[in-house]
Amino acid sequence: MLYRTGDAMHYQMNFRSKLEESALDALIRELQRRGPFAEVGPVRIGPSAWSIELVPRSPGVVVGYASVAEFQSRACRHVEIDNVSRVDPSLQAASSW
């Protein structure tokens, strides 16, 4: 499994390059439709990258992707994901995988 939620963990999807607004909108719609997420967003714009926060629908849900590459190919083919981080909202700390 790519990741498993067991508590209040959120996930953050990071992109090295900035996305066109239309590509970003399409990605958010696709994640909302196909991903097991209660919330998609907010989008954070940094000096050299963008990130999207993903909040799982419920604690304990298993997200069935074997790798970031599989997640990208199945959930958001039209953008390149740099990495995905797990974020504990109570600590605001991230660990990449």
Protein backbone atom coordinates (compact mmCIF):
# COMPACT_ATOMS: atom_id res chain seq x y z
CA MET A 1 0.00 0.00 0.00
CA LEU A 2 1.14 3.48 -0.70
CA TYR A 3 -0.21 4.80 2.57
CA ARG A 4 -2.76 4.04 5.22
CA THR A 5 -4.56 6.54 7.39
CA GLY A 6 -4.76 5.50 11.00
CA ASP A 7 -5.37 8.82 12.68
CA ALA A 8 -5.67 12.45 11.67
CA MET A 9 -2.90 12.30 9.09
CA HIS A 10 -3.31 14.44 6.01
CA TYR A 11 -1.39 14.06 2.75
CA GLN A 12 0.29 16.74 0.73
CA MET A 13 0.98 16.34 -2.98
CA ASN A 14 3.95 18.38 -4.16
CA PHE A 15 4.82 19.58 -7.65
CA ARG A 16 8.19 21.00 -8.74
CA SER A 17 6.74 23.12 -11.50
CA LYS A 18 3.77 25.41 -11.27
CA LEU A 19 0.65 24.13 -13.00
CA GLU A 20 -1.52 25.95 -15.48
CA GLU A 21 -4.77 26.97 -13.81
CA SER A 22 -6.79 24.68 -16.08
CA ALA A 23 -4.55 21.68 -15.26
CA LEU A 24 -4.80 22.47 -11.55
CA ASP A 25 -8.60 22.71 -11.73
CA ALA A 26 -8.77 19.41 -13.64
CA LEU A 27 -6.50 17.70 -11.10
CA ILE A 28 -8.59 18.91 -8.15
CA ARG A 29 -11.82 17.74 -9.82
CA GLU A 30 -10.28 14.33 -10.56
CA LEU A 31 -8.99 13.91 -7.00
CA GLN A 32 -12.39 14.86 -5.61
CA ARG A 33 -14.15 12.40 -7.91
CA ARG A 34 -11.78 9.43 -7.73
CA GLY A 35 -9.80 9.82 -4.53
CA PRO A 36 -10.94 8.72 -1.07
CA PHE A 37 -10.64 12.26 0.24
CA ALA A 38 -13.04 14.38 2.25
CA GLU A 39 -11.24 17.55 1.23
CA VAL A 40 -8.88 18.44 -1.58
CA GLY A 41 -7.08 21.67 -0.85
CA PRO A 42 -5.98 24.18 0.02
CA VAL A 43 -3.51 24.73 -2.77
CA ARG A 44 -0.31 26.33 -1.50
CA ILE A 45 1.86 28.26 -3.93
CA GLY A 46 5.54 28.46 -3.00
CA PRO A 47 8.43 30.20 -4.76
CA SER A 48 9.41 27.10 -6.73
CA ALA A 49 6.57 24.59 -6.26
CA TRP A 50 2.88 24.08 -5.58
CA SER A 51 1.29 21.69 -3.14
CA ILE A 52 -2.24 20.39 -2.57
CA GLU A 53 -3.39 19.13 0.81
CA LEU A 54 -5.50 15.95 0.78
CA VAL A 55 -7.67 15.08 3.78
CA PRO A 56 -8.81 11.42 3.94
CA ARG A 57 -12.55 10.73 4.16
CA SER A 58 -12.22 8.88 7.46
CA PRO A 59 -9.49 7.56 9.76
CA GLY A 60 -8.54 3.95 9.07
CA VAL A 61 -9.29 4.00 5.35
CA VAL A 62 -6.71 2.17 3.26
CA VAL A 63 -5.78 3.91 0.04
CA GLY A 64 -5.06 1.24 -2.53
CA TYR A 65 -2.18 2.49 -4.61
CA ALA A 66 1.11 0.60 -4.63
CA SER A 67 3.32 3.57 -5.46
CA VAL A 68 3.34 7.26 -6.32
CA ALA A 69 3.71 6.24 -9.98
CA GLU A 70 0.56 4.10 -9.81
CA PHE A 71 -1.32 6.88 -8.04
CA GLN A 72 -0.23 9.30 -10.75
CA SER A 73 -1.14 6.96 -13.61
CA ARG A 74 -4.55 6.10 -12.15
CA ALA A 75 -5.63 9.32 -10.43
CA CYS A 76 -4.00 12.24 -12.19
CA ARG A 77 -2.33 11.35 -15.46
CA HIS A 78 -2.08 14.88 -16.80
CA VAL A 79 0.34 16.31 -14.20
CA GLU A 80 3.69 15.15 -12.87
CA ILE A 81 3.82 14.60 -9.13
CA ASP A 82 7.15 15.37 -7.49
CA ASN A 83 6.35 13.59 -4.23
CA VAL A 84 3.64 13.03 -1.66
CA SER A 85 4.16 13.83 2.02
CA ARG A 86 2.26 12.67 5.06
CA VAL A 87 1.38 15.64 7.26
CA ASP A 88 0.26 15.44 10.89
CA PRO A 89 -1.94 18.53 11.19
CA SER A 90 -1.36 18.74 14.94
CA LEU A 91 2.42 18.96 14.47
CA GLN A 92 2.51 20.53 11.00
CA ALA A 93 5.43 18.23 10.17
CA ALA A 94 5.80 16.29 6.94
CA SER A 95 7.66 13.12 6.02
CA SER A 96 8.15 12.31 2.35
CA TRP A 97 8.06 8.88 0.78
